[in-house]
């Protein structure tokens, strides 16, 4: 089985770095990557994660006070 990934976009790099720290501490398999061009032309980073964990991860991050701009499957 091939893992599908998704990305979470944030309103600022501050939230991306905070999300990375909190998610790693909780044991999520995540990675900061550049935002794909088809999602945003802004320079920045997003959080790549396993698509099957999207609901758990997004709920966790929001509970930790991390603002999320959007969640998308990675193509």
C-alpha atoms as a PDB file:
ATOM      1  CA  UNK A   1       0.000   0.000   0.000  1.00  0.00           C
ATOM      2  CA  UNK A   2       1.259   3.450  -0.931  1.00  0.00           C
ATOM      3  CA  UNK A   3       0.876   6.182   1.666  1.00  0.00           C
ATOM      4  CA  UNK A   4      -1.146   9.199   0.566  1.00  0.00           C
ATOM      5  CA  UNK A   5      -0.067  12.528   1.940  1.00  0.00           C
ATOM      6  CA  UNK A   6      -1.772  15.813   2.580  1.00  0.00           C
ATOM      7  CA  UNK A   7      -0.573  19.293   3.446  1.00  0.00           C
ATOM      8  CA  UNK A   8      -1.735  21.858   5.951  1.00  0.00           C
ATOM      9  CA  UNK A   9      -1.294  25.522   5.064  1.00  0.00           C
ATOM     10  CA  UNK A  10      -0.948  28.173   7.746  1.00  0.00           C
ATOM     11  CA  UNK A  11      -1.443  31.955   7.794  1.00  0.00           C
ATOM     12  CA  UNK A  12       2.218  32.478   8.767  1.00  0.00           C
ATOM     13  CA  UNK A  13       5.531  30.683   9.176  1.00  0.00           C
ATOM     14  CA  UNK A  14       5.118  31.121  12.936  1.00  0.00           C
ATOM     15  CA  UNK A  15       2.124  28.762  12.942  1.00  0.00           C
ATOM     16  CA  UNK A  16       3.878  26.288  10.627  1.00  0.00           C
ATOM     17  CA  UNK A  17       6.860  26.033  12.985  1.00  0.00           C
ATOM     18  CA  UNK A  18       4.617  25.757  16.024  1.00  0.00           C
ATOM     19  CA  UNK A  19       2.576  23.011  14.329  1.00  0.00           C
ATOM     20  CA  UNK A  20       5.747  21.103  13.454  1.00  0.00           C
ATOM     21  CA  UNK A  21       6.977  21.221  17.048  1.00  0.00           C
ATOM     22  CA  UNK A  22       3.635  20.206  18.595  1.00  0.00           C
ATOM     23  CA  UNK A  23       2.961  17.424  16.049  1.00  0.00           C
ATOM     24  CA  UNK A  24       6.441  15.914  16.478  1.00  0.00           C
ATOM     25  CA  UNK A  25       6.087  15.949  20.261  1.00  0.00           C
ATOM     26  CA  UNK A  26       2.771  14.070  19.886  1.00  0.00           C
ATOM     27  CA  UNK A  27       4.340  11.481  17.554  1.00  0.00           C
ATOM     28  CA  UNK A  28       2.776  12.398  14.208  1.00  0.00           C
ATOM     29  CA  UNK A  29       4.851  11.561  11.123  1.00  0.00           C
ATOM     30  CA  UNK A  30       5.139  15.004   9.564  1.00  0.00           C
ATOM     31  CA  UNK A  31       7.590  17.098   7.551  1.00  0.00           C
ATOM     32  CA  UNK A  32       7.815  20.793   6.704  1.00  0.00           C
ATOM     33  CA  UNK A  33       7.960  21.298   2.926  1.00  0.00           C
ATOM     34  CA  UNK A  34       7.619  24.270   0.552  1.00  0.00           C
ATOM     35  CA  UNK A  35       4.007  25.085  -0.320  1.00  0.00           C
ATOM     36  CA  UNK A  36       3.176  23.501  -3.701  1.00  0.00           C
ATOM     37  CA  UNK A  37       2.708  26.163  -6.410  1.00  0.00           C
ATOM     38  CA  UNK A  38      -0.729  24.847  -7.387  1.00  0.00           C
ATOM     39  CA  UNK A  39      -1.974  25.665  -3.862  1.00  0.00           C
ATOM     40  CA  UNK A  40      -0.392  29.069  -3.338  1.00  0.00           C
ATOM     41  CA  UNK A  41       2.020  31.384  -5.104  1.00  0.00           C
ATOM     42  CA  UNK A  42       3.191  32.786  -1.763  1.00  0.00           C
ATOM     43  CA  UNK A  43       6.588  31.808  -0.496  1.00  0.00           C
ATOM     44  CA  UNK A  44       6.272  29.663   2.561  1.00  0.00           C
ATOM     45  CA  UNK A  45       6.184  26.274   4.124  1.00  0.00           C
ATOM     46  CA  UNK A  46       3.436  23.804   4.881  1.00  0.00           C
ATOM     47  CA  UNK A  47       3.164  20.648   6.930  1.00  0.00           C
ATOM     48  CA  UNK A  48       3.085  17.327   5.059  1.00  0.00           C
ATOM     49  CA  UNK A  49       1.304  14.495   6.886  1.00  0.00           C
ATOM     50  CA  UNK A  50      -0.311  11.109   6.306  1.00  0.00           C
ATOM     51  CA  UNK A  51      -3.734  11.755   4.776  1.00  0.00           C
ATOM     52  CA  UNK A  52      -5.356   9.123   7.007  1.00  0.00           C
ATOM     53  CA  UNK A  53      -4.415  11.260  10.054  1.00  0.00           C
ATOM     54  CA  UNK A  54      -5.952  14.506   8.762  1.00  0.00           C
ATOM     55  CA  UNK A  55      -8.882  14.717  11.189  1.00  0.00           C
ATOM     56  CA  UNK A  56      -6.857  13.707  14.232  1.00  0.00           C
ATOM     57  CA  UNK A  57      -3.963  16.036  13.365  1.00  0.00           C
ATOM     58  CA  UNK A  58      -6.109  19.057  12.514  1.00  0.00           C
ATOM     59  CA  UNK A  59      -8.182  18.661  15.685  1.00  0.00           C
ATOM     60  CA  UNK A  60      -5.013  18.326  17.755  1.00  0.00           C
ATOM     61  CA  UNK A  61      -3.391  21.417  16.221  1.00  0.00           C
ATOM     62  CA  UNK A  62      -6.509  23.539  16.649  1.00  0.00           C
ATOM     63  CA  UNK A  63      -6.739  22.455  20.300  1.00  0.00           C
ATOM     64  CA  UNK A  64      -3.108  23.572  20.686  1.00  0.00           C
ATOM     65  CA  UNK A  65      -3.984  27.052  19.367  1.00  0.00           C
ATOM     66  CA  UNK A  66      -2.420  26.610  15.913  1.00  0.00           C
ATOM     67  CA  UNK A  67      -4.350  28.493  13.215  1.00  0.00           C
ATOM     68  CA  UNK A  68      -4.882  26.490  10.021  1.00  0.00           C
ATOM     69  CA  UNK A  69      -5.537  28.114   6.641  1.00  0.00           C
ATOM     70  CA  UNK A  70      -6.385  24.962   4.711  1.00  0.00           C
ATOM     71  CA  UNK A  71      -5.949  21.199   4.412  1.00  0.00           C
ATOM     72  CA  UNK A  72      -5.389  19.617   0.989  1.00  0.00           C
ATOM     73  CA  UNK A  73      -4.477  16.221  -0.442  1.00  0.00           C
ATOM     74  CA  UNK A  74      -0.989  16.246  -1.940  1.00  0.00           C
ATOM     75  CA  UNK A  75      -1.075  15.439  -5.633  1.00  0.00           C
END
